[in-house]
């Protein structure tokens, strides 16, 4: 949970008790009428299906009024069983709609805001599935005090659906044998678990990149976890992990997975890191399927779940910032390999040279410019920069240039990064748009190196408001093309429109580290970004 939200936490819980009349978990979004039509290119010689049906559930978690208070085990189980009952109901609904796998959010069984001591009654000792075969629903007495594991296992078994959930794991250790062992002689892990559709425990993953989670320990070594069900292999990691190379990119590249399950408790941060924005962008940049299940607590800016499929973008997504809104079940038919869905010849094109690497020693400025402007490329001395100003975006100092109404070309640079924009727009009176660049180490609520090009609607007409999140826009863009001379190949594209909606991929393309919309966007533009992660400089 974000540090800046923790102060509001207890106030929210008190308000919640007055507002809540029961969880709103009956909203169901059905599969699209026209599911993807994946090519058979990658499956001709493999015994794998071309599609599967997936579900994610955005959960309005039942919370404790005072998560710092230490409960006994029975009281902890009482809260967890209330949330697990919702999981059971949603798994049943999903299974009836044909879903083969369902993903539930991070902290969805017991909520957030605990201390190391107060989380302890909620933890269970989860055995290692790679060392021990266990079906908790069939053999509940094989391990004691594992009621949550048994319930999750039975949810999977009774509904014939693969279940992915997030819970707490405790593992005893000895400080004499393990120098990393905590002072209380036990590890407490934020843990994802996966159960096969017969209830068998398949996999567990310990979250590596913790986000102000003092109740948990990071594992001594980052784990790369995968599991295979219905002939499809899934990688697994959690929330803040997605912003770092290890495990997110490593799981995709080293394990070769093309499908990822992603429990999260994501606090939104416009203009660039709303859950639906960044999760779709990551799936597009890595060209994988991402099954993202978020918490639903608009008070904490937590909402935004979806099923994203490579360059095809969101197959289905949901977010609702209304405090009276509730949980949401999303279901979609997913191509097993999103690359095949995008290009039937893709599988024959991949070579060792195509693998992503950071390339800080190479200068890609001329290449990026030529991609953007082609034969009409202006010289570096051309007056493209014009007026610039600086403003904060998530505490980073961006260099911005304001857009003028009509058609224009802009270049803006920060350190080694130069970003280029070619656009046509009809500026709504009273609105200000700016194009910005940032190349530096981000240190607010985490530390990681960014290279970002961003076009955004400012919160007001003041330059200092550019970078502050806003949700509405009225300016239409009939043409948009943006690129940058990134020093990393890990660039994640975003195009967000009025009301924090994702622009359909049919209206824009991402290729060669550039965003291009030649026919324009059907809704006013909120922001467009190329979010580069220079992992080697973290």
Protein backbone atom coordinates (compact mmCIF):
# COMPACT_ATOMS: atom_id res chain seq x y z
CA UNK A 1 0.00 0.00 0.00
CA UNK A 2 1.30 3.46 -0.88
CA UNK A 3 2.86 5.46 1.92
CA UNK A 4 0.91 8.54 0.90
CA UNK A 5 -2.36 6.60 1.31
CA UNK A 6 -1.62 5.08 4.69
CA UNK A 7 -2.72 8.21 6.59
CA UNK A 8 -6.19 7.92 5.05
CA UNK A 9 -6.51 4.22 5.76
CA UNK A 10 -8.23 4.21 9.16
CA UNK A 11 -10.54 7.07 8.12
CA UNK A 12 -11.59 5.08 5.10
CA UNK A 13 -12.37 1.98 7.13
CA UNK A 14 -14.67 3.94 9.42
CA UNK A 15 -16.46 5.48 6.42
CA UNK A 16 -16.65 2.06 4.80
CA UNK A 17 -18.60 0.61 7.71
CA UNK A 18 -21.28 3.26 7.22
CA UNK A 19 -21.44 3.07 3.42
CA UNK A 20 -21.23 -0.63 2.86
CA UNK A 21 -24.36 -2.72 2.76
CA UNK A 22 -22.61 -5.79 1.42
CA UNK A 23 -20.10 -6.44 -1.30
CA UNK A 24 -21.25 -5.70 -4.82
CA UNK A 25 -19.91 -8.75 -6.53
CA UNK A 26 -22.67 -9.62 -8.95
CA UNK A 27 -21.51 -7.59 -11.92
CA UNK A 28 -20.53 -9.87 -14.76
CA UNK A 29 -18.95 -8.89 -18.05
CA UNK A 30 -19.31 -11.55 -20.69
CA UNK A 31 -16.85 -12.52 -23.37
CA UNK A 32 -16.65 -10.25 -26.40
CA UNK A 33 -19.04 -11.20 -29.17
CA UNK A 34 -16.13 -11.50 -31.57
CA UNK A 35 -13.26 -13.24 -29.76
CA UNK A 36 -9.75 -13.15 -31.25
CA UNK A 37 -9.11 -15.38 -34.25
CA UNK A 38 -5.57 -16.55 -33.60
CA UNK A 39 -3.39 -18.03 -36.29
CA UNK A 40 -2.18 -21.60 -36.00
CA UNK A 41 1.39 -20.56 -36.81
CA UNK A 42 2.90 -21.39 -33.43
CA UNK A 43 0.80 -24.46 -32.77
CA UNK A 44 1.22 -26.56 -35.88
CA UNK A 45 3.80 -28.82 -34.26
CA UNK A 46 2.75 -28.38 -30.63
CA UNK A 47 0.01 -30.02 -28.66
CA UNK A 48 -1.37 -26.69 -27.44
CA UNK A 49 -4.75 -25.05 -27.97
CA UNK A 50 -4.95 -21.85 -29.99
CA UNK A 51 -7.16 -20.14 -27.41
CA UNK A 52 -8.37 -20.49 -23.85
CA UNK A 53 -11.00 -18.70 -21.77
CA UNK A 54 -9.74 -16.63 -18.84
CA UNK A 55 -11.37 -14.68 -16.03
CA UNK A 56 -10.09 -12.06 -13.60
CA UNK A 57 -12.02 -10.68 -10.65
CA UNK A 58 -11.62 -7.15 -9.29
CA UNK A 59 -12.47 -7.64 -5.63
CA UNK A 60 -14.01 -5.20 -3.17
CA UNK A 61 -12.20 -6.82 -0.26
CA UNK A 62 -13.69 -7.03 3.20
CA UNK A 63 -11.22 -5.20 5.46
CA UNK A 64 -10.47 -4.95 9.15
CA UNK A 65 -11.33 -1.64 10.79
CA UNK A 66 -7.99 -1.75 12.60
CA UNK A 67 -5.43 -3.89 10.74
CA UNK A 68 -2.79 -3.14 13.40
CA UNK A 69 -4.75 -5.05 16.05
CA UNK A 70 -3.49 -8.59 16.60
CA UNK A 71 -6.29 -11.17 16.26
CA UNK A 72 -6.44 -14.82 17.18
CA UNK A 73 -6.49 -17.39 14.41
CA UNK A 74 -10.27 -17.94 14.54
CA UNK A 75 -11.00 -14.23 14.17
CA UNK A 76 -8.57 -14.01 11.27
CA UNK A 77 -10.27 -16.98 9.62
CA UNK A 78 -13.66 -15.33 10.03
CA UNK A 79 -12.55 -12.37 7.90
CA UNK A 80 -10.79 -14.53 5.33
CA UNK A 81 -13.79 -16.80 4.90
CA UNK A 82 -15.99 -13.79 4.06
CA UNK A 83 -13.66 -12.91 1.19
CA UNK A 84 -13.23 -16.53 0.14
CA UNK A 85 -17.01 -16.89 -0.11
CA UNK A 86 -16.96 -14.13 -2.73
CA UNK A 87 -14.12 -15.94 -4.53
CA UNK A 88 -16.19 -19.12 -4.56
CA UNK A 89 -19.24 -17.34 -5.99
CA UNK A 90 -17.19 -15.64 -8.71
CA UNK A 91 -15.36 -18.85 -9.63
CA UNK A 92 -18.73 -20.54 -10.06
CA UNK A 93 -19.99 -17.74 -12.30
CA UNK A 94 -16.80 -17.79 -14.34
CA UNK A 95 -16.89 -21.56 -14.76
CA UNK A 96 -20.49 -21.40 -15.99
CA UNK A 97 -19.30 -18.95 -18.66
CA UNK A 98 -16.67 -21.45 -19.81
CA UNK A 99 -13.65 -19.91 -18.04
CA UNK A 100 -10.75 -22.31 -17.54
CA UNK A 101 -8.69 -20.09 -15.22
CA UNK A 102 -9.56 -17.28 -12.80
CA UNK A 103 -7.18 -14.80 -11.13
CA UNK A 104 -7.95 -12.98 -7.86
CA UNK A 105 -6.14 -9.85 -6.59
CA UNK A 106 -3.22 -9.33 -4.25
CA UNK A 107 -4.28 -9.05 -0.59
CA UNK A 108 -7.77 -10.09 -1.67
CA UNK A 109 -8.24 -12.58 1.17
CA UNK A 110 -7.43 -10.33 4.12
CA UNK A 111 -6.79 -6.77 2.93
CA UNK A 112 -3.92 -4.34 3.56
CA UNK A 113 -2.20 -2.21 6.16
CA UNK A 114 -0.93 -4.85 8.60
CA UNK A 115 2.13 -4.91 10.83
CA UNK A 116 4.47 -7.88 10.99
CA UNK A 117 2.73 -9.04 14.16
CA UNK A 118 -0.88 -8.42 13.11
CA UNK A 119 -0.56 -10.29 9.79
CA UNK A 120 0.76 -13.43 11.48
CA UNK A 121 -2.65 -15.04 12.34
CA UNK A 122 -3.58 -14.81 8.65
CA UNK A 123 -0.53 -16.76 7.42
CA UNK A 124 -0.30 -20.43 6.55
CA UNK A 125 2.71 -22.63 5.99
CA UNK A 126 2.53 -23.37 2.27
CA UNK A 127 4.50 -26.44 1.18
CA UNK A 128 6.71 -26.26 -1.89
CA UNK A 129 4.76 -27.85 -4.78
CA UNK A 130 8.03 -28.69 -6.54
CA UNK A 131 9.01 -30.92 -3.60
CA UNK A 132 5.66 -32.27 -2.49
CA UNK A 133 2.49 -33.31 -4.26
CA UNK A 134 -0.62 -32.18 -2.39
CA UNK A 135 -4.29 -31.68 -3.04
CA UNK A 136 -5.62 -29.81 0.02
CA UNK A 137 -9.25 -30.43 -0.89
CA UNK A 138 -8.74 -34.20 -1.12
CA UNK A 139 -6.18 -34.51 1.70
CA UNK A 140 -6.85 -31.62 4.11
CA UNK A 141 -5.09 -33.32 7.05
CA UNK A 142 -1.75 -33.62 5.27
CA UNK A 143 -0.86 -30.19 6.69
CA UNK A 144 -2.36 -28.55 9.77
CA UNK A 145 -3.75 -25.01 10.00
CA UNK A 146 -4.15 -24.69 6.25
CA UNK A 147 -7.85 -23.82 6.05
CA UNK A 148 -7.34 -21.15 3.37
CA UNK A 149 -5.38 -23.51 1.13
CA UNK A 150 -8.11 -26.12 1.53
CA UNK A 151 -10.88 -23.66 0.62
CA UNK A 152 -9.01 -22.39 -2.46
CA UNK A 153 -8.29 -25.97 -3.52
CA UNK A 154 -11.96 -26.90 -3.18
CA UNK A 155 -13.05 -23.80 -5.10
CA UNK A 156 -10.88 -25.02 -7.98
CA UNK A 157 -11.97 -28.65 -7.69
CA UNK A 158 -15.70 -28.03 -7.23
CA UNK A 159 -15.87 -25.67 -10.20
CA UNK A 160 -13.32 -27.40 -12.47
CA UNK A 161 -11.38 -24.18 -12.88
CA UNK A 162 -7.73 -23.22 -12.33
CA UNK A 163 -7.52 -20.77 -9.42
CA UNK A 164 -4.78 -18.18 -8.85
CA UNK A 165 -4.93 -16.27 -5.57
CA UNK A 166 -2.70 -14.28 -3.23
CA UNK A 167 -2.17 -15.09 0.45
CA UNK A 168 0.46 -15.08 3.19
CA UNK A 169 3.09 -17.78 3.61
CA UNK A 170 5.13 -18.40 6.78
CA UNK A 171 8.31 -20.47 6.78
CA UNK A 172 10.42 -21.16 9.87
CA UNK A 173 14.16 -20.57 9.64
CA UNK A 174 17.27 -20.65 11.80
CA UNK A 175 19.55 -17.67 12.15
CA UNK A 176 22.41 -20.08 12.80
CA UNK A 177 21.92 -21.73 9.41
CA UNK A 178 20.54 -18.82 7.39
CA UNK A 179 22.14 -15.36 7.68
CA UNK A 180 19.05 -13.81 6.04
CA UNK A 181 16.65 -15.32 8.60
CA UNK A 182 14.60 -12.56 10.32
CA UNK A 183 14.97 -11.88 14.02
CA UNK A 184 11.77 -13.74 14.88
CA UNK A 185 13.10 -16.89 13.14
CA UNK A 186 10.48 -17.01 10.43
CA UNK A 187 9.96 -15.65 6.94
CA UNK A 188 6.64 -14.01 6.12
CA UNK A 189 6.01 -13.85 2.39
CA UNK A 190 3.46 -12.13 0.17
CA UNK A 191 2.60 -15.21 -1.91
CA UNK A 192 0.75 -16.16 -5.08
CA UNK A 193 -0.61 -19.70 -5.28
CA UNK A 194 -2.02 -21.64 -8.23
CA UNK A 195 -4.33 -24.66 -8.09
CA UNK A 196 -5.20 -26.99 -10.97
CA UNK A 197 -8.84 -27.57 -11.80
CA UNK A 198 -8.82 -30.73 -9.68
CA UNK A 199 -7.56 -28.84 -6.62
CA UNK A 200 -3.90 -29.84 -6.87
CA UNK A 201 -1.47 -27.19 -5.58
CA UNK A 202 0.63 -26.37 -8.65
CA UNK A 203 2.90 -23.46 -7.79
CA UNK A 204 3.69 -20.72 -5.33
CA UNK A 205 5.60 -17.47 -5.84
CA UNK A 206 7.01 -15.13 -3.18
CA UNK A 207 6.77 -11.44 -4.13
CA UNK A 208 10.27 -10.00 -4.58
CA UNK A 209 9.72 -6.26 -5.00
CA UNK A 210 7.75 -5.19 -1.93
CA UNK A 211 5.99 -1.82 -1.82
CA UNK A 212 5.97 -0.45 1.74
CA UNK A 213 5.00 -3.91 3.03
CA UNK A 214 6.78 -4.11 6.38
CA UNK A 215 4.66 -7.09 7.35
CA UNK A 216 6.43 -9.23 4.73
CA UNK A 217 9.96 -10.29 3.87
CA UNK A 218 11.44 -10.29 0.39
CA UNK A 219 12.79 -13.74 -0.46
CA UNK A 220 16.60 -13.97 -0.37
CA UNK A 221 16.58 -14.75 -4.08
CA UNK A 222 14.11 -13.72 -6.77
CA UNK A 223 12.02 -16.68 -7.89
CA UNK A 224 11.08 -17.38 -11.50
CA UNK A 225 7.88 -19.40 -11.35
CA UNK A 226 5.76 -20.99 -14.04
CA UNK A 227 3.05 -23.64 -14.18
CA UNK A 228 1.28 -25.46 -17.00
CA UNK A 229 -2.46 -26.13 -17.20
CA UNK A 230 -4.62 -27.22 -20.15
CA UNK A 231 -1.35 -27.31 -22.18
CA UNK A 232 -0.70 -23.59 -21.63
CA UNK A 233 2.24 -22.34 -19.55
CA UNK A 234 1.82 -19.30 -17.29
CA UNK A 235 4.36 -17.14 -15.51
CA UNK A 236 3.42 -15.60 -12.18
CA UNK A 237 4.44 -12.45 -10.28
CA UNK A 238 2.80 -9.71 -8.21
CA UNK A 239 2.00 -5.98 -8.44
CA UNK A 240 5.18 -3.85 -7.96
CA UNK A 241 7.22 -6.66 -9.57
CA UNK A 242 6.02 -5.53 -13.00
CA UNK A 243 8.09 -2.34 -12.80
CA UNK A 244 11.36 -4.27 -12.53
CA UNK A 245 13.24 -6.56 -14.87
CA UNK A 246 13.45 -9.27 -12.24
CA UNK A 247 11.15 -11.12 -12.13
CA UNK A 248 8.77 -9.71 -14.77
CA UNK A 249 10.93 -9.51 -17.89
CA UNK A 250 13.15 -12.39 -16.78
CA UNK A 251 10.13 -14.69 -16.49
CA UNK A 252 9.09 -13.83 -20.04
CA UNK A 253 12.55 -14.03 -21.59
CA UNK A 254 14.26 -16.79 -19.60
CA UNK A 255 11.26 -19.07 -19.10
CA UNK A 256 9.79 -18.28 -22.51
CA UNK A 257 6.25 -17.80 -21.20
CA UNK A 258 3.66 -15.98 -23.30
CA UNK A 259 0.95 -15.88 -20.63
CA UNK A 260 1.22 -14.25 -17.20
CA UNK A 261 -1.09 -14.24 -14.17
CA UNK A 262 -0.84 -11.04 -12.17
CA UNK A 263 -2.53 -10.49 -8.80
CA UNK A 264 -2.17 -6.83 -7.82
CA UNK A 265 -3.24 -4.17 -5.34
CA UNK A 266 -2.38 -1.27 -7.62
CA UNK A 267 -2.78 2.34 -6.54
CA UNK A 268 -3.37 4.45 -9.64
CA UNK A 269 -1.11 7.37 -10.51
CA UNK A 270 -2.19 9.41 -13.52
CA UNK A 271 -1.10 10.55 -16.03
CA UNK A 272 1.08 7.49 -16.77
CA UNK A 273 0.59 4.74 -14.20
CA UNK A 274 -3.09 3.99 -13.94
CA UNK A 275 -3.48 0.21 -13.70
CA UNK A 276 -5.18 -0.22 -17.06
CA UNK A 277 -2.65 2.07 -18.77
CA UNK A 278 0.52 0.46 -17.53
CA UNK A 279 -0.64 -3.14 -17.54
CA UNK A 280 -1.79 -2.93 -21.15
CA UNK A 281 1.43 -1.10 -22.04
CA UNK A 282 3.56 -3.81 -20.44
CA UNK A 283 1.66 -6.59 -22.22
CA UNK A 284 2.08 -4.76 -25.55
CA UNK A 285 5.78 -4.05 -24.97
CA UNK A 286 6.52 -7.65 -24.01
CA UNK A 287 3.97 -9.04 -26.51
CA UNK A 288 2.43 -11.42 -23.97
CA UNK A 289 -0.97 -12.06 -22.44
CA UNK A 290 -1.42 -10.50 -19.00
CA UNK A 291 -4.28 -11.55 -16.71
CA UNK A 292 -4.46 -8.68 -14.22
CA UNK A 293 -6.76 -8.74 -11.15
CA UNK A 294 -6.78 -5.64 -8.96
CA UNK A 295 -8.29 -4.61 -5.66
CA UNK A 296 -11.43 -2.46 -5.88
CA UNK A 297 -11.04 0.38 -3.39
CA UNK A 298 -11.55 3.72 -5.19
CA UNK A 299 -10.84 5.55 -1.91
CA UNK A 300 -7.24 4.32 -2.22
CA UNK A 301 -7.24 4.89 -6.01
CA UNK A 302 -7.27 1.10 -6.39
CA UNK A 303 -9.29 0.00 -9.39
CA UNK A 304 -8.43 -1.27 -12.85
CA UNK A 305 -8.35 -4.91 -13.97
CA UNK A 306 -8.14 -6.48 -17.39
CA UNK A 307 -7.09 -9.21 -19.76
CA UNK A 308 -4.49 -7.85 -22.17
CA UNK A 309 -3.15 -9.63 -25.24
CA UNK A 310 0.09 -8.34 -26.70
CA UNK A 311 -0.26 -5.86 -29.54
CA UNK A 312 -4.02 -6.48 -29.58
CA UNK A 313 -4.26 -4.64 -26.28
CA UNK A 314 -7.15 -5.06 -23.87
CA UNK A 315 -9.56 -7.87 -24.69
CA UNK A 316 -11.63 -6.67 -21.75
CA UNK A 317 -10.96 -4.22 -18.90
CA UNK A 318 -12.72 -2.41 -16.07
CA UNK A 319 -12.21 0.45 -13.69
CA UNK A 320 -14.68 2.55 -11.73
CA UNK A 321 -13.70 5.32 -9.31
CA UNK A 322 -17.22 5.70 -7.93
CA UNK A 323 -17.15 4.81 -4.23
CA UNK A 324 -20.52 3.07 -4.61
CA UNK A 325 -19.21 0.72 -7.31
CA UNK A 326 -18.14 -2.80 -6.47
CA UNK A 327 -16.41 -5.96 -7.62
CA UNK A 328 -16.33 -6.97 -11.28
CA UNK A 329 -15.85 -10.26 -13.07
CA UNK A 330 -14.18 -10.05 -16.50
CA UNK A 331 -14.05 -12.92 -18.98
CA UNK A 332 -12.41 -13.16 -22.40
CA UNK A 333 -11.26 -15.70 -24.94
CA UNK A 334 -7.48 -15.36 -25.14
CA UNK A 335 -5.09 -16.43 -27.94
CA UNK A 336 -2.54 -18.80 -26.45
CA UNK A 337 0.24 -16.92 -28.25
CA UNK A 338 -0.55 -13.23 -28.80
CA UNK A 339 2.27 -12.96 -31.34
CA UNK A 340 0.49 -15.43 -33.57
CA UNK A 341 -2.73 -13.50 -33.15
CA UNK A 342 -0.97 -10.39 -34.47
CA UNK A 343 1.05 -11.88 -37.31
CA UNK A 344 0.72 -15.40 -38.68
CA UNK A 345 4.34 -15.37 -39.83
CA UNK A 346 5.74 -14.02 -36.58
CA UNK A 347 7.02 -17.37 -35.35
CA UNK A 348 9.23 -17.78 -38.34
CA UNK A 349 10.80 -14.34 -37.88
CA UNK A 350 12.25 -14.54 -34.37
CA UNK A 351 16.03 -14.81 -34.24
CA UNK A 352 18.61 -14.45 -31.50
CA UNK A 353 19.26 -10.89 -32.69
CA UNK A 354 15.63 -9.98 -31.99
CA UNK A 355 15.93 -10.52 -28.26
CA UNK A 356 15.69 -7.37 -26.16
CA UNK A 357 18.79 -5.80 -24.66
CA UNK A 358 19.69 -2.45 -23.19
CA UNK A 359 21.93 -0.58 -25.65
CA UNK A 360 23.30 2.54 -23.97
CA UNK A 361 26.40 2.76 -26.15
CA UNK A 362 24.52 3.27 -29.44
CA UNK A 363 23.11 6.51 -30.78
CA UNK A 364 19.60 6.02 -32.16
CA UNK A 365 18.70 9.68 -32.66
CA UNK A 366 18.89 9.74 -36.47
CA UNK A 367 17.05 6.43 -36.74
CA UNK A 368 14.22 7.64 -34.48
CA UNK A 369 13.87 10.91 -36.40
CA UNK A 370 13.80 9.14 -39.75
CA UNK A 371 11.06 6.81 -38.51
CA UNK A 372 9.00 9.81 -37.49
CA UNK A 373 9.43 12.22 -40.39
CA UNK A 374 10.83 10.08 -43.19
CA UNK A 375 12.12 12.09 -46.16
CA UNK A 376 10.75 15.30 -44.58
CA UNK A 377 13.19 15.01 -41.68
CA UNK A 378 14.16 18.50 -40.48
CA UNK A 379 17.70 19.36 -39.53
CA UNK A 380 18.76 19.57 -35.88
CA UNK A 381 19.05 23.32 -36.31
CA UNK A 382 15.40 23.66 -37.31
CA UNK A 383 13.25 25.54 -34.81
CA UNK A 384 11.43 22.52 -33.42
CA UNK A 385 11.91 23.05 -29.73
CA UNK A 386 10.49 26.53 -29.19
CA UNK A 387 9.35 27.41 -25.69
CA UNK A 388 10.16 24.91 -22.95
CA UNK A 389 9.37 24.75 -19.27
CA UNK A 390 9.79 22.28 -16.45
CA UNK A 391 7.12 20.68 -14.34
CA UNK A 392 6.81 17.70 -11.99
CA UNK A 393 5.28 14.36 -12.91
CA UNK A 394 5.36 11.94 -9.97
CA UNK A 395 8.11 14.10 -8.43
CA UNK A 396 10.32 13.78 -11.54
CA UNK A 397 11.27 17.04 -13.29
CA UNK A 398 10.15 16.79 -16.92
CA UNK A 399 11.10 19.19 -19.68
CA UNK A 400 7.91 20.19 -21.56
CA UNK A 401 6.98 22.18 -24.62
CA UNK A 402 3.39 23.44 -25.07
CA UNK A 403 1.41 22.47 -28.18
CA UNK A 404 -0.13 25.06 -30.47
CA UNK A 405 -3.51 24.51 -32.05
CA UNK A 406 -3.56 22.93 -35.50
CA UNK A 407 -0.64 21.00 -36.98
CA UNK A 408 2.86 21.01 -35.58
CA UNK A 409 6.18 19.27 -35.01
CA UNK A 410 7.98 19.36 -31.69
CA UNK A 411 11.23 18.06 -30.31
CA UNK A 412 12.00 18.16 -26.59
CA UNK A 413 15.08 16.73 -24.89
CA UNK A 414 16.17 15.78 -21.39
CA UNK A 415 19.71 14.54 -20.79
CA UNK A 416 20.41 11.97 -23.54
CA UNK A 417 16.76 11.46 -24.49
CA UNK A 418 15.17 13.45 -27.32
CA UNK A 419 11.48 12.96 -28.04
CA UNK A 420 9.78 13.93 -31.29
CA UNK A 421 6.12 14.62 -31.98
CA UNK A 422 4.17 15.23 -35.17
CA UNK A 423 0.50 16.07 -34.61
CA UNK A 424 -2.74 17.60 -35.83
CA UNK A 425 -5.36 18.63 -33.29
CA UNK A 426 -8.40 20.84 -32.72
CA UNK A 427 -7.67 22.41 -29.36
CA UNK A 428 -10.68 22.87 -27.11
CA UNK A 429 -10.86 26.36 -25.64
CA UNK A 430 -9.40 26.48 -22.17
CA UNK A 431 -7.25 23.34 -22.50
CA UNK A 432 -3.46 23.12 -22.50
CA UNK A 433 -1.44 20.22 -23.92
CA UNK A 434 2.28 19.71 -23.48
CA UNK A 435 4.88 17.32 -24.85
CA UNK A 436 7.59 16.28 -22.43
CA UNK A 437 10.70 14.19 -21.86
CA UNK A 438 12.38 12.72 -18.80
CA UNK A 439 15.65 10.80 -18.67
CA UNK A 440 16.74 10.03 -15.13
CA UNK A 441 16.50 8.01 -11.94
CA UNK A 442 13.00 7.99 -10.47
CA UNK A 443 13.17 8.00 -6.65
CA UNK A 444 9.58 8.61 -5.51
CA UNK A 445 7.96 5.52 -3.95
CA UNK A 446 10.63 3.26 -5.39
CA UNK A 447 13.86 3.70 -7.32
CA UNK A 448 14.20 2.85 -10.99
CA UNK A 449 15.61 4.48 -14.13
CA UNK A 450 13.19 5.95 -16.65
CA UNK A 451 13.29 7.34 -20.16
CA UNK A 452 9.86 8.73 -20.97
CA UNK A 453 8.28 10.65 -23.84
CA UNK A 454 4.79 11.89 -22.98
CA UNK A 455 2.05 13.98 -24.57
CA UNK A 456 -0.54 14.99 -22.01
CA UNK A 457 -3.42 17.27 -21.21
CA UNK A 458 -2.45 19.55 -18.35
CA UNK A 459 -4.70 19.81 -15.32
CA UNK A 460 -5.22 23.53 -15.96
CA UNK A 461 -3.81 26.33 -18.14
CA UNK A 462 -0.87 26.73 -15.76
CA UNK A 463 2.41 25.17 -16.90
CA UNK A 464 2.97 23.92 -13.36
CA UNK A 465 -0.14 21.72 -13.69
CA UNK A 466 1.39 19.67 -16.53
CA UNK A 467 2.08 16.30 -14.94
CA UNK A 468 -0.76 16.44 -12.44
CA UNK A 469 -3.32 13.74 -13.10
CA UNK A 470 -6.62 14.62 -14.76
CA UNK A 471 -9.43 12.41 -16.03
CA UNK A 472 -11.28 14.49 -18.63
CA UNK A 473 -10.28 15.95 -21.99
CA UNK A 474 -12.03 17.62 -24.91
CA UNK A 475 -9.34 18.02 -27.58
CA UNK A 476 -9.44 15.77 -30.64
CA UNK A 477 -6.26 14.58 -32.38
CA UNK A 478 -6.64 13.68 -36.06
CA UNK A 479 -2.98 12.69 -36.44
CA UNK A 480 -0.36 11.62 -33.95
CA UNK A 481 3.16 10.25 -34.35
CA UNK A 482 5.70 10.21 -31.54
CA UNK A 483 9.12 8.59 -31.07
CA UNK A 484 12.34 8.96 -29.11
CA UNK A 485 16.00 8.01 -29.23
CA UNK A 486 15.72 5.56 -26.34
CA UNK A 487 18.83 3.96 -24.88
CA UNK A 488 16.82 0.87 -23.94
CA UNK A 489 14.70 -1.54 -25.93
CA UNK A 490 12.23 -1.88 -23.06
CA UNK A 491 9.64 0.73 -24.02
CA UNK A 492 5.97 0.41 -23.10
CA UNK A 493 3.34 2.38 -25.09
CA UNK A 494 0.20 4.07 -23.73
CA UNK A 495 -2.65 5.93 -25.40
CA UNK A 496 -5.38 7.03 -22.98
CA UNK A 497 -8.51 9.00 -23.83
CA UNK A 498 -11.22 10.98 -22.07
CA UNK A 499 -12.57 9.35 -18.92
CA UNK A 500 -9.41 7.24 -18.49
CA UNK A 501 -10.35 4.89 -21.30
CA UNK A 502 -7.93 2.92 -23.46
CA UNK A 503 -7.82 4.01 -27.09
CA UNK A 504 -8.65 0.96 -29.23
CA UNK A 505 -5.53 -0.55 -30.87
CA UNK A 506 -7.38 -0.27 -34.19
CA UNK A 507 -6.88 3.51 -33.90
CA UNK A 508 -3.13 3.47 -33.20
CA UNK A 509 -0.10 1.27 -33.68
CA UNK A 510 3.09 0.71 -31.76
CA UNK A 511 6.11 -0.34 -33.76
CA UNK A 512 9.81 0.50 -33.84
CA UNK A 513 9.45 2.27 -30.49
CA UNK A 514 6.98 4.76 -31.95
CA UNK A 515 3.27 5.46 -31.52
CA UNK A 516 1.40 6.24 -34.72
CA UNK A 517 -2.23 7.22 -35.29
CA UNK A 518 -2.74 8.22 -38.90
CA UNK A 519 -6.55 8.32 -38.90
CA UNK A 520 -6.89 9.98 -35.52
CA UNK A 521 -8.54 8.99 -32.26
CA UNK A 522 -12.30 8.71 -31.84
CA UNK A 523 -12.23 10.21 -28.33
CA UNK A 524 -10.36 13.26 -26.95
CA UNK A 525 -6.80 12.47 -25.90
CA UNK A 526 -5.88 12.39 -22.22
CA UNK A 527 -2.27 11.25 -22.66
CA UNK A 528 0.04 9.26 -24.89
CA UNK A 529 3.33 7.95 -23.62
CA UNK A 530 6.39 5.90 -24.42
CA UNK A 531 7.44 4.63 -20.99
CA UNK A 532 11.01 3.42 -21.25
CA UNK A 533 12.65 1.36 -18.51
CA UNK A 534 16.45 1.35 -18.57
CA UNK A 535 16.74 -1.61 -16.23
CA UNK A 536 20.53 -1.79 -16.22
CA UNK A 537 20.72 1.65 -14.61
CA UNK A 538 18.44 0.88 -11.67
